[in-house]
Amino acid sequence: FIAGAPPSRPGEIALNSGGAERAGLAVGDRTKVLVPTQGTLDVTLTGVYEVAADTGGFIGLLFEDSQARELFTDGSHVAHVDVAAQGIPGDELRDKI
């Protein structure tokens, strides 16, 4: 995190630095997020973070854990999982999992 902190309750989000810059948002700002299954949510930006893979055009939102589960899972299953391990090619890691 380069500003603020991760979301700690429903209604809060963190945003990657490129997305925050593009939208003109700063920690403490209120905005709206469109979630296809839920419609538009009013949220407060609590943190801005950077990731090495953010080379432009990437918008990454982080939600508080319980709200993320409510919005993006059926309570038991997720649509996908991203994993990485240093020094292990993606195919090999996938096969080990």
PDB file of N, CA and C in Angstrom:
ATOM      1  N   PHE A   1       0.845  -1.181   0.000  1.00  0.00           N
ATOM      2  CA  PHE A   1       0.000   0.000   0.000  1.00  0.00           C
ATOM      3  C   PHE A   1       0.884   1.235   0.000  1.00  0.00           C
ATOM      4  N   ILE A   2       0.566   2.137  -0.907  1.00  0.00           N
ATOM      5  CA  ILE A   2       1.325   3.386  -0.971  1.00  0.00           C
ATOM      6  C   ILE A   2       0.555   4.529  -0.308  1.00  0.00           C
ATOM      7  N   ALA A   3      -0.714   4.292  -0.023  1.00  0.00           N
ATOM      8  CA  ALA A   3      -1.531   5.275   0.697  1.00  0.00           C
ATOM      9  C   ALA A   3      -2.678   4.539   1.375  1.00  0.00           C
ATOM     10  N   GLY A   4      -3.025   4.971   2.565  1.00  0.00           N
ATOM     11  CA  GLY A   4      -4.160   4.383   3.266  1.00  0.00           C
ATOM     12  C   GLY A   4      -3.923   2.955   3.703  1.00  0.00           C
ATOM     13  N   ALA A   5      -5.003   2.171   3.721  1.00  0.00           N
ATOM     14  CA  ALA A   5      -4.966   0.808   4.253  1.00  0.00           C
ATOM     15  C   ALA A   5      -5.985  -0.054   3.509  1.00  0.00           C
ATOM     16  N   PRO A   6      -5.873  -1.382   3.666  1.00  0.00           N
ATOM     17  CA  PRO A   6      -6.866  -2.266   3.046  1.00  0.00           C
ATOM     18  C   PRO A   6      -8.264  -1.999   3.607  1.00  0.00           C
ATOM     19  N   PRO A   7      -9.292  -2.349   2.855  1.00  0.00           N
ATOM     20  CA  PRO A   7     -10.655  -2.197   3.363  1.00  0.00           C
ATOM     21  C   PRO A   7     -10.875  -3.081   4.587  1.00  0.00           C
ATOM     22  N   SER A   8     -11.573  -2.558   5.587  1.00  0.00           N
ATOM     23  CA  SER A   8     -11.784  -3.327   6.818  1.00  0.00           C
ATOM     24  C   SER A   8     -13.252  -3.618   7.092  1.00  0.00           C
ATOM     25  N   ARG A   9     -14.145  -3.100   6.254  1.00  0.00           N
ATOM     26  CA  ARG A   9     -15.581  -3.367   6.430  1.00  0.00           C
ATOM     27  C   ARG A   9     -16.268  -3.250   5.075  1.00  0.00           C
ATOM     28  N   PRO A  10     -17.443  -3.854   4.962  1.00  0.00           N
ATOM     29  CA  PRO A  10     -18.207  -3.709   3.718  1.00  0.00           C
ATOM     30  C   PRO A  10     -18.418  -2.229   3.386  1.00  0.00           C
ATOM     31  N   GLY A  11     -18.395  -1.927   2.099  1.00  0.00           N
ATOM     32  CA  GLY A  11     -18.562  -0.545   1.664  1.00  0.00           C
ATOM     33  C   GLY A  11     -17.257   0.191   1.482  1.00  0.00           C
ATOM     34  N   GLU A  12     -16.147  -0.503   1.724  1.00  0.00           N
ATOM     35  CA  GLU A  12     -14.826   0.080   1.527  1.00  0.00           C
ATOM     36  C   GLU A  12     -14.101  -0.698   0.435  1.00  0.00           C
ATOM     37  N   ILE A  13     -13.226   0.005  -0.298  1.00  0.00           N
ATOM     38  CA  ILE A  13     -12.402  -0.650  -1.313  1.00  0.00           C
ATOM     39  C   ILE A  13     -10.988  -0.096  -1.264  1.00  0.00           C
ATOM     40  N   ALA A  14     -10.068  -0.862  -1.816  1.00  0.00           N
ATOM     41  CA  ALA A  14      -8.739  -0.371  -2.150  1.00  0.00           C
ATOM     42  C   ALA A  14      -8.631  -0.474  -3.665  1.00  0.00           C
ATOM     43  N   LEU A  15      -7.826   0.387  -4.255  1.00  0.00           N
ATOM     44  CA  LEU A  15      -7.712   0.477  -5.702  1.00  0.00           C
ATOM     45  C   LEU A  15      -6.241   0.559  -6.081  1.00  0.00           C
ATOM     46  N   ASN A  16      -5.882  -0.082  -7.192  1.00  0.00           N
ATOM     47  CA  ASN A  16      -4.495   0.011  -7.638  1.00  0.00           C
ATOM     48  C   ASN A  16      -4.175   1.457  -8.025  1.00  0.00           C
ATOM     49  N   SER A  17      -2.891   1.807  -7.968  1.00  0.00           N
ATOM     50  CA  SER A  17      -2.489   3.199  -8.173  1.00  0.00           C
ATOM     51  C   SER A  17      -2.856   3.714  -9.560  1.00  0.00           C
ATOM     52  N   GLY A  18      -2.714   2.874 -10.591  1.00  0.00           N
ATOM     53  CA  GLY A  18      -3.078   3.306 -11.938  1.00  0.00           C
ATOM     54  C   GLY A  18      -4.559   3.618 -12.058  1.00  0.00           C
ATOM     55  N   GLY A  19      -5.381   2.782 -11.450  1.00  0.00           N
ATOM     56  CA  GLY A  19      -6.825   3.011 -11.470  1.00  0.00           C
ATOM     57  C   GLY A  19      -7.210   4.259 -10.696  1.00  0.00           C
ATOM     58  N   ALA A  20      -6.579   4.457  -9.533  1.00  0.00           N
ATOM     59  CA  ALA A  20      -6.871   5.646  -8.723  1.00  0.00           C
ATOM     60  C   ALA A  20      -6.475   6.912  -9.474  1.00  0.00           C
ATOM     61  N   GLU A  21      -5.311   6.862 -10.116  1.00  0.00           N
ATOM     62  CA  GLU A  21      -4.849   8.028 -10.872  1.00  0.00           C
ATOM     63  C   GLU A  21      -5.792   8.319 -12.039  1.00  0.00           C
ATOM     64  N   ARG A  22      -6.135   7.293 -12.784  1.00  0.00           N
ATOM     65  CA  ARG A  22      -7.020   7.472 -13.944  1.00  0.00           C
ATOM     66  C   ARG A  22      -8.374   8.055 -13.524  1.00  0.00           C
ATOM     67  N   ALA A  23      -8.900   7.608 -12.379  1.00  0.00           N
ATOM     68  CA  ALA A  23     -10.213   8.069 -11.915  1.00  0.00           C
ATOM     69  C   ALA A  23     -10.138   9.368 -11.113  1.00  0.00           C
ATOM     70  N   GLY A  24      -8.918   9.811 -10.784  1.00  0.00           N
ATOM     71  CA  GLY A  24      -8.774  11.020  -9.984  1.00  0.00           C
ATOM     72  C   GLY A  24      -9.227  10.836  -8.550  1.00  0.00           C
ATOM     73  N   LEU A  25      -9.040   9.608  -8.015  1.00  0.00           N
ATOM     74  CA  LEU A  25      -9.496   9.291  -6.658  1.00  0.00           C
ATOM     75  C   LEU A  25      -8.336   9.265  -5.671  1.00  0.00           C
ATOM     76  N   ALA A  26      -8.614   9.650  -4.432  1.00  0.00           N
ATOM     77  CA  ALA A  26      -7.646   9.600  -3.342  1.00  0.00           C
ATOM     78  C   ALA A  26      -8.309   8.953  -2.134  1.00  0.00           C
ATOM     79  N   VAL A  27      -7.489   8.501  -1.198  1.00  0.00           N
ATOM     80  CA  VAL A  27      -7.999   7.876   0.024  1.00  0.00           C
ATOM     81  C   VAL A  27      -9.021   8.807   0.681  1.00  0.00           C
ATOM     82  N   GLY A  28     -10.156   8.218   1.061  1.00  0.00           N
ATOM     83  CA  GLY A  28     -11.239   8.965   1.693  1.00  0.00           C
ATOM     84  C   GLY A  28     -12.337   9.368   0.729  1.00  0.00           C
ATOM     85  N   ASP A  29     -12.056   9.311  -0.569  1.00  0.00           N
ATOM     86  CA  ASP A  29     -13.072   9.681  -1.560  1.00  0.00           C
ATOM     87  C   ASP A  29     -14.173   8.638  -1.622  1.00  0.00           C
ATOM     88  N   ARG A  30     -15.385   9.106  -1.937  1.00  0.00           N
ATOM     89  CA  ARG A  30     -16.522   8.209  -2.179  1.00  0.00           C
ATOM     90  C   ARG A  30     -16.671   8.069  -3.681  1.00  0.00           C
ATOM     91  N   THR A  31     -17.037   6.862  -4.123  1.00  0.00           N
ATOM     92  CA  THR A  31     -17.250   6.613  -5.543  1.00  0.00           C
ATOM     93  C   THR A  31     -18.269   5.496  -5.700  1.00  0.00           C
ATOM     94  N   LYS A  32     -18.514   5.117  -6.909  1.00  0.00           N
ATOM     95  CA  LYS A  32     -19.438   4.020  -7.200  1.00  0.00           C
ATOM     96  C   LYS A  32     -18.682   2.934  -7.940  1.00  0.00           C
ATOM     97  N   VAL A  33     -19.051   1.682  -7.666  1.00  0.00           N
ATOM     98  CA  VAL A  33     -18.467   0.520  -8.325  1.00  0.00           C
ATOM     99  C   VAL A  33     -19.609  -0.287  -8.925  1.00  0.00           C
ATOM    100  N   LEU A  34     -19.460  -0.686 -10.171  1.00  0.00           N
ATOM    101  CA  LEU A  34     -20.466  -1.519 -10.816  1.00  0.00           C
ATOM    102  C   LEU A  34     -20.066  -2.981 -10.681  1.00  0.00           C
ATOM    103  N   VAL A  35     -20.894  -3.756  -9.998  1.00  0.00           N
ATOM    104  CA  VAL A  35     -20.712  -5.203  -9.863  1.00  0.00           C
ATOM    105  C   VAL A  35     -21.838  -5.842 -10.663  1.00  0.00           C
ATOM    106  N   PRO A  36     -21.513  -6.559 -11.745  1.00  0.00           N
ATOM    107  CA  PRO A  36     -22.556  -7.059 -12.647  1.00  0.00           C
ATOM    108  C   PRO A  36     -23.701  -7.801 -11.955  1.00  0.00           C
ATOM    109  N   THR A  37     -23.405  -8.573 -10.928  1.00  0.00           N
ATOM    110  CA  THR A  37     -24.459  -9.351 -10.273  1.00  0.00           C
ATOM    111  C   THR A  37     -25.221  -8.564  -9.213  1.00  0.00           C
ATOM    112  N   GLN A  38     -24.705  -7.398  -8.822  1.00  0.00           N
ATOM    113  CA  GLN A  38     -25.302  -6.637  -7.722  1.00  0.00           C
ATOM    114  C   GLN A  38     -25.736  -5.228  -8.106  1.00  0.00           C
ATOM    115  N   GLY A  39     -25.298  -4.741  -9.239  1.00  0.00           N
ATOM    116  CA  GLY A  39     -25.587  -3.366  -9.619  1.00  0.00           C
ATOM    117  C   GLY A  39     -24.505  -2.423  -9.115  1.00  0.00           C
ATOM    118  N   THR A  40     -24.887  -1.174  -8.904  1.00  0.00           N
ATOM    119  CA  THR A  40     -23.938  -0.144  -8.493  1.00  0.00           C
ATOM    120  C   THR A  40     -23.865  -0.073  -6.972  1.00  0.00           C
ATOM    121  N   LEU A  41     -22.640  -0.061  -6.451  1.00  0.00           N
ATOM    122  CA  LEU A  41     -22.411   0.035  -5.007  1.00  0.00           C
ATOM    123  C   LEU A  41     -21.737   1.362  -4.686  1.00  0.00           C
ATOM    124  N   ASP A  42     -22.178   2.028  -3.631  1.00  0.00           N
ATOM    125  CA  ASP A  42     -21.495   3.208  -3.119  1.00  0.00           C
ATOM    126  C   ASP A  42     -20.389   2.733  -2.191  1.00  0.00           C
ATOM    127  N   VAL A  43     -19.156   3.206  -2.426  1.00  0.00           N
ATOM    128  CA  VAL A  43     -18.010   2.750  -1.642  1.00  0.00           C
ATOM    129  C   VAL A  43     -17.112   3.925  -1.278  1.00  0.00           C
ATOM    130  N   THR A  44     -16.264   3.690  -0.279  1.00  0.00           N
ATOM    131  CA  THR A  44     -15.243   4.650   0.131  1.00  0.00           C
ATOM    132  C   THR A  44     -13.878   4.045  -0.142  1.00  0.00           C
ATOM    133  N   LEU A  45     -12.997   4.814  -0.752  1.00  0.00           N
ATOM    134  CA  LEU A  45     -11.633   4.359  -1.030  1.00  0.00           C
ATOM    135  C   LEU A  45     -10.801   4.482   0.242  1.00  0.00           C
ATOM    136  N   THR A  46     -10.310   3.339   0.742  1.00  0.00           N
ATOM    137  CA  THR A  46      -9.521   3.343   1.976  1.00  0.00           C
ATOM    138  C   THR A  46      -8.033   3.198   1.730  1.00  0.00           C
ATOM    139  N   GLY A  47      -7.651   2.712   0.541  1.00  0.00           N
ATOM    140  CA  GLY A  47      -6.241   2.494   0.272  1.00  0.00           C
ATOM    141  C   GLY A  47      -5.941   2.448  -1.211  1.00  0.00           C
ATOM    142  N   VAL A  48      -4.693   2.792  -1.524  1.00  0.00           N
ATOM    143  CA  VAL A  48      -4.173   2.708  -2.888  1.00  0.00           C
ATOM    144  C   VAL A  48      -2.939   1.827  -2.821  1.00  0.00           C
ATOM    145  N   TYR A  49      -2.870   0.839  -3.720  1.00  0.00           N
ATOM    146  CA  TYR A  49      -1.760  -0.106  -3.699  1.00  0.00           C
ATOM    147  C   TYR A  49      -1.089  -0.187  -5.058  1.00  0.00           C
ATOM    148  N   GLU A  50       0.134  -0.711  -5.062  1.00  0.00           N
ATOM    149  CA  GLU A  50       0.869  -0.939  -6.306  1.00  0.00           C
ATOM    150  C   GLU A  50       1.231  -2.403  -6.420  1.00  0.00           C
ATOM    151  N   VAL A  51       1.212  -2.893  -7.650  1.00  0.00           N
ATOM    152  CA  VAL A  51       1.696  -4.239  -7.959  1.00  0.00           C
ATOM    153  C   VAL A  51       2.627  -4.124  -9.157  1.00  0.00           C
ATOM    154  N   ALA A  52       3.640  -4.979  -9.204  1.00  0.00           N
ATOM    155  CA  ALA A  52       4.626  -4.927 -10.282  1.00  0.00           C
ATOM    156  C   ALA A  52       3.991  -5.124 -11.649  1.00  0.00           C
ATOM    157  N   ALA A  53       2.924  -5.891 -11.721  1.00  0.00           N
ATOM    158  CA  ALA A  53       2.288  -6.201 -13.003  1.00  0.00           C
ATOM    159  C   ALA A  53       1.441  -5.052 -13.537  1.00  0.00           C
ATOM    160  N   ASP A  54       1.282  -3.992 -12.782  1.00  0.00           N
ATOM    161  CA  ASP A  54       0.443  -2.867 -13.205  1.00  0.00           C
ATOM    162  C   ASP A  54       1.222  -2.007 -14.195  1.00  0.00           C
ATOM    163  N   THR A  55       1.038  -2.303 -15.469  1.00  0.00           N
ATOM    164  CA  THR A  55       1.757  -1.573 -16.515  1.00  0.00           C
ATOM    165  C   THR A  55       0.836  -0.648 -17.297  1.00  0.00           C
ATOM    166  N   GLY A  56      -0.353  -0.440 -16.798  1.00  0.00           N
ATOM    167  CA  GLY A  56      -1.305   0.446 -17.459  1.00  0.00           C
ATOM    168  C   GLY A  56      -2.515  -0.315 -17.947  1.00  0.00           C
ATOM    169  N   GLY A  57      -3.659   0.300 -17.841  1.00  0.00           N
ATOM    170  CA  GLY A  57      -4.889  -0.318 -18.311  1.00  0.00           C
ATOM    171  C   GLY A  57      -5.520  -1.301 -17.348  1.00  0.00           C
ATOM    172  N   PHE A  58      -4.900  -1.531 -16.220  1.00  0.00           N
ATOM    173  CA  PHE A  58      -5.379  -2.495 -15.227  1.00  0.00           C
ATOM    174  C   PHE A  58      -6.127  -1.754 -14.126  1.00  0.00           C
ATOM    175  N   ILE A  59      -7.343  -2.197 -13.811  1.00  0.00           N
ATOM    176  CA  ILE A  59      -8.094  -1.651 -12.681  1.00  0.00           C
ATOM    177  C   ILE A  59      -8.282  -2.794 -11.694  1.00  0.00           C
ATOM    178  N   GLY A  60      -7.707  -2.674 -10.521  1.00  0.00           N
ATOM    179  CA  GLY A  60      -7.798  -3.725  -9.516  1.00  0.00           C
ATOM    180  C   GLY A  60      -8.451  -3.215  -8.246  1.00  0.00           C
ATOM    181  N   LEU A  61      -9.610  -3.778  -7.911  1.00  0.00           N
ATOM    182  CA  LEU A  61     -10.325  -3.415  -6.692  1.00  0.00           C
ATOM    183  C   LEU A  61     -10.152  -4.504  -5.652  1.00  0.00           C
ATOM    184  N   LEU A  62      -9.962  -4.115  -4.423  1.00  0.00           N
ATOM    185  CA  LEU A  62      -9.953  -5.046  -3.304  1.00  0.00           C
ATOM    186  C   LEU A  62     -11.118  -4.684  -2.399  1.00  0.00           C
ATOM    187  N   PHE A  63     -11.872  -5.694  -1.998  1.00  0.00           N
ATOM    188  CA  PHE A  63     -12.989  -5.520  -1.077  1.00  0.00           C
ATOM    189  C   PHE A  63     -12.639  -6.178   0.249  1.00  0.00           C
ATOM    190  N   GLU A  64     -13.334  -5.811   1.303  1.00  0.00           N
ATOM    191  CA  GLU A  64     -13.224  -6.505   2.588  1.00  0.00           C
ATOM    192  C   GLU A  64     -13.656  -7.950   2.346  1.00  0.00           C
ATOM    193  N   ASP A  65     -13.012  -8.905   3.030  1.00  0.00           N
ATOM    194  CA  ASP A  65     -13.190 -10.337   2.742  1.00  0.00           C
ATOM    195  C   ASP A  65     -14.642 -10.793   2.710  1.00  0.00           C
ATOM    196  N   SER A  66     -15.428 -10.464   3.726  1.00  0.00           N
ATOM    197  CA  SER A  66     -16.806 -10.968   3.755  1.00  0.00           C
ATOM    198  C   SER A  66     -17.633 -10.378   2.614  1.00  0.00           C
ATOM    199  N   GLN A  67     -17.392  -9.115   2.280  1.00  0.00           N
ATOM    200  CA  GLN A  67     -18.133  -8.523   1.172  1.00  0.00           C
ATOM    201  C   GLN A  67     -17.689  -9.126  -0.161  1.00  0.00           C
ATOM    202  N   ALA A  68     -16.413  -9.398  -0.322  1.00  0.00           N
ATOM    203  CA  ALA A  68     -15.933 -10.038  -1.552  1.00  0.00           C
ATOM    204  C   ALA A  68     -16.586 -11.404  -1.732  1.00  0.00           C
ATOM    205  N   ARG A  69     -16.678 -12.179  -0.653  1.00  0.00           N
ATOM    206  CA  ARG A  69     -17.334 -13.493  -0.744  1.00  0.00           C
ATOM    207  C   ARG A  69     -18.806 -13.342  -1.120  1.00  0.00           C
ATOM    208  N   GLU A  70     -19.469 -12.356  -0.530  1.00  0.00           N
ATOM    209  CA  GLU A  70     -20.888 -12.127  -0.829  1.00  0.00           C
ATOM    210  C   GLU A  70     -21.087 -11.712  -2.290  1.00  0.00           C
ATOM    211  N   LEU A  71     -20.207 -10.861  -2.796  1.00  0.00           N
ATOM    212  CA  LEU A  71     -20.366 -10.321  -4.145  1.00  0.00           C
ATOM    213  C   LEU A  71     -19.932 -11.275  -5.252  1.00  0.00           C
ATOM    214  N   PHE A  72     -18.895 -12.086  -4.980  1.00  0.00           N
ATOM    215  CA  PHE A  72     -18.253 -12.808  -6.076  1.00  0.00           C
ATOM    216  C   PHE A  72     -18.226 -14.322  -5.939  1.00  0.00           C
ATOM    217  N   THR A  73     -18.926 -14.871  -4.949  1.00  0.00           N
ATOM    218  CA  THR A  73     -18.980 -16.328  -4.806  1.00  0.00           C
ATOM    219  C   THR A  73     -20.412 -16.753  -4.496  1.00  0.00           C
ATOM    220  N   ASP A  74     -20.622 -18.052  -4.521  1.00  0.00           N
ATOM    221  CA  ASP A  74     -21.923 -18.583  -4.094  1.00  0.00           C
ATOM    222  C   ASP A  74     -21.873 -18.984  -2.625  1.00  0.00           C
ATOM    223  N   GLY A  75     -20.818 -18.587  -1.933  1.00  0.00           N
ATOM    224  CA  GLY A  75     -20.630 -18.929  -0.528  1.00  0.00           C
ATOM    225  C   GLY A  75     -19.674 -20.083  -0.327  1.00  0.00           C
ATOM    226  N   SER A  76     -19.473 -20.880  -1.369  1.00  0.00           N
ATOM    227  CA  SER A  76     -18.579 -22.037  -1.285  1.00  0.00           C
ATOM    228  C   SER A  76     -17.553 -22.091  -2.406  1.00  0.00           C
ATOM    229  N   HIS A  77     -17.867 -21.504  -3.547  1.00  0.00           N
ATOM    230  CA  HIS A  77     -17.017 -21.643  -4.726  1.00  0.00           C
ATOM    231  C   HIS A  77     -16.653 -20.276  -5.295  1.00  0.00           C
ATOM    232  N   VAL A  78     -15.455 -20.185  -5.842  1.00  0.00           N
ATOM    233  CA  VAL A  78     -15.019 -18.975  -6.535  1.00  0.00           C
ATOM    234  C   VAL A  78     -14.871 -19.285  -8.015  1.00  0.00           C
ATOM    235  N   ALA A  79     -14.911 -18.251  -8.839  1.00  0.00           N
ATOM    236  CA  ALA A  79     -14.814 -18.441 -10.283  1.00  0.00           C
ATOM    237  C   ALA A  79     -13.410 -18.841 -10.715  1.00  0.00           C
ATOM    238  N   HIS A  80     -12.394 -18.312 -10.047  1.00  0.00           N
ATOM    239  CA  HIS A  80     -11.012 -18.668 -10.368  1.00  0.00           C
ATOM    240  C   HIS A  80     -10.119 -18.321  -9.185  1.00  0.00           C
ATOM    241  N   VAL A  81      -8.925 -18.873  -9.210  1.00  0.00           N
ATOM    242  CA  VAL A  81      -7.936 -18.621  -8.173  1.00  0.00           C
ATOM    243  C   VAL A  81      -6.621 -18.302  -8.863  1.00  0.00           C
ATOM    244  N   ASP A  82      -5.953 -17.250  -8.434  1.00  0.00           N
ATOM    245  CA  ASP A  82      -4.632 -16.918  -8.946  1.00  0.00           C
ATOM    246  C   ASP A  82      -3.597 -17.361  -7.927  1.00  0.00           C
ATOM    247  N   VAL A  83      -2.595 -18.100  -8.384  1.00  0.00           N
ATOM    248  CA  VAL A  83      -1.508 -18.527  -7.509  1.00  0.00           C
ATOM    249  C   VAL A  83      -0.187 -18.292  -8.225  1.00  0.00           C
ATOM    250  N   ALA A  84       0.860 -18.123  -7.440  1.00  0.00           N
ATOM    251  CA  ALA A  84       2.205 -17.960  -7.987  1.00  0.00           C
ATOM    252  C   ALA A  84       3.195 -18.486  -6.972  1.00  0.00           C
ATOM    253  N   ALA A  85       4.309 -18.981  -7.465  1.00  0.00           N
ATOM    254  CA  ALA A  85       5.395 -19.428  -6.601  1.00  0.00           C
ATOM    255  C   ALA A  85       6.704 -19.104  -7.303  1.00  0.00           C
ATOM    256  N   GLN A  86       7.591 -18.494  -6.581  1.00  0.00           N
ATOM    257  CA  GLN A  86       8.863 -18.087  -7.161  1.00  0.00           C
ATOM    258  C   GLN A  86       9.646 -19.302  -7.650  1.00  0.00           C
ATOM    259  N   GLY A  87      10.103 -19.238  -8.890  1.00  0.00           N
ATOM    260  CA  GLY A  87      10.954 -20.280  -9.445  1.00  0.00           C
ATOM    261  C   GLY A  87      10.227 -21.501  -9.976  1.00  0.00           C
ATOM    262  N   ILE A  88       8.897 -21.491  -9.967  1.00  0.00           N
ATOM    263  CA  ILE A  88       8.136 -22.638 -10.479  1.00  0.00           C
ATOM    264  C   ILE A  88       7.304 -22.166 -11.668  1.00  0.00           C
ATOM    265  N   PRO A  89       7.519 -22.767 -12.848  1.00  0.00           N
ATOM    266  CA  PRO A  89       6.714 -22.386 -14.012  1.00  0.00           C
ATOM    267  C   PRO A  89       5.223 -22.622 -13.758  1.00  0.00           C
ATOM    268  N   GLY A  90       4.378 -21.811 -14.383  1.00  0.00           N
ATOM    269  CA  GLY A  90       2.940 -21.876 -14.169  1.00  0.00           C
ATOM    270  C   GLY A  90       2.334 -23.244 -14.381  1.00  0.00           C
ATOM    271  N   ASP A  91       2.712 -23.932 -15.469  1.00  0.00           N
ATOM    272  CA  ASP A  91       2.156 -25.262 -15.747  1.00  0.00           C
ATOM    273  C   ASP A  91       2.529 -26.260 -14.658  1.00  0.00           C
ATOM    274  N   GLU A  92       3.764 -26.184 -14.199  1.00  0.00           N
ATOM    275  CA  GLU A  92       4.213 -27.104 -13.144  1.00  0.00           C
ATOM    276  C   GLU A  92       3.467 -26.833 -11.838  1.00  0.00           C
ATOM    277  N   LEU A  93       3.298 -25.572 -11.497  1.00  0.00           N
ATOM    278  CA  LEU A  93       2.570 -25.218 -10.280  1.00  0.00           C
ATOM    279  C   LEU A  93       1.123 -25.686 -10.369  1.00  0.00           C
ATOM    280  N   ARG A  94       0.487 -25.451 -11.516  1.00  0.00           N
ATOM    281  CA  ARG A  94      -0.893 -25.907 -11.722  1.00  0.00           C
ATOM    282  C   ARG A  94      -0.998 -27.410 -11.501  1.00  0.00           C
ATOM    283  N   ASP A  95      -0.080 -28.176 -12.062  1.00  0.00           N
ATOM    284  CA  ASP A  95      -0.115 -29.633 -11.935  1.00  0.00           C
ATOM    285  C   ASP A  95       0.081 -30.085 -10.491  1.00  0.00           C
ATOM    286  N   LYS A  96       0.882 -29.356  -9.725  1.00  0.00           N
ATOM    287  CA  LYS A  96       1.102 -29.713  -8.319  1.00  0.00           C
ATOM    288  C   LYS A  96      -0.143 -29.455  -7.478  1.00  0.00           C
ATOM    289  N   ILE A  97      -0.893 -28.457  -7.855  1.00  0.00           N
ATOM    290  CA  ILE A  97      -2.112 -28.128  -7.109  1.00  0.00           C
ATOM    291  C   ILE A  97      -3.170 -29.153  -7.411  1.00  0.00           C
TER     292      ILE A  97
END
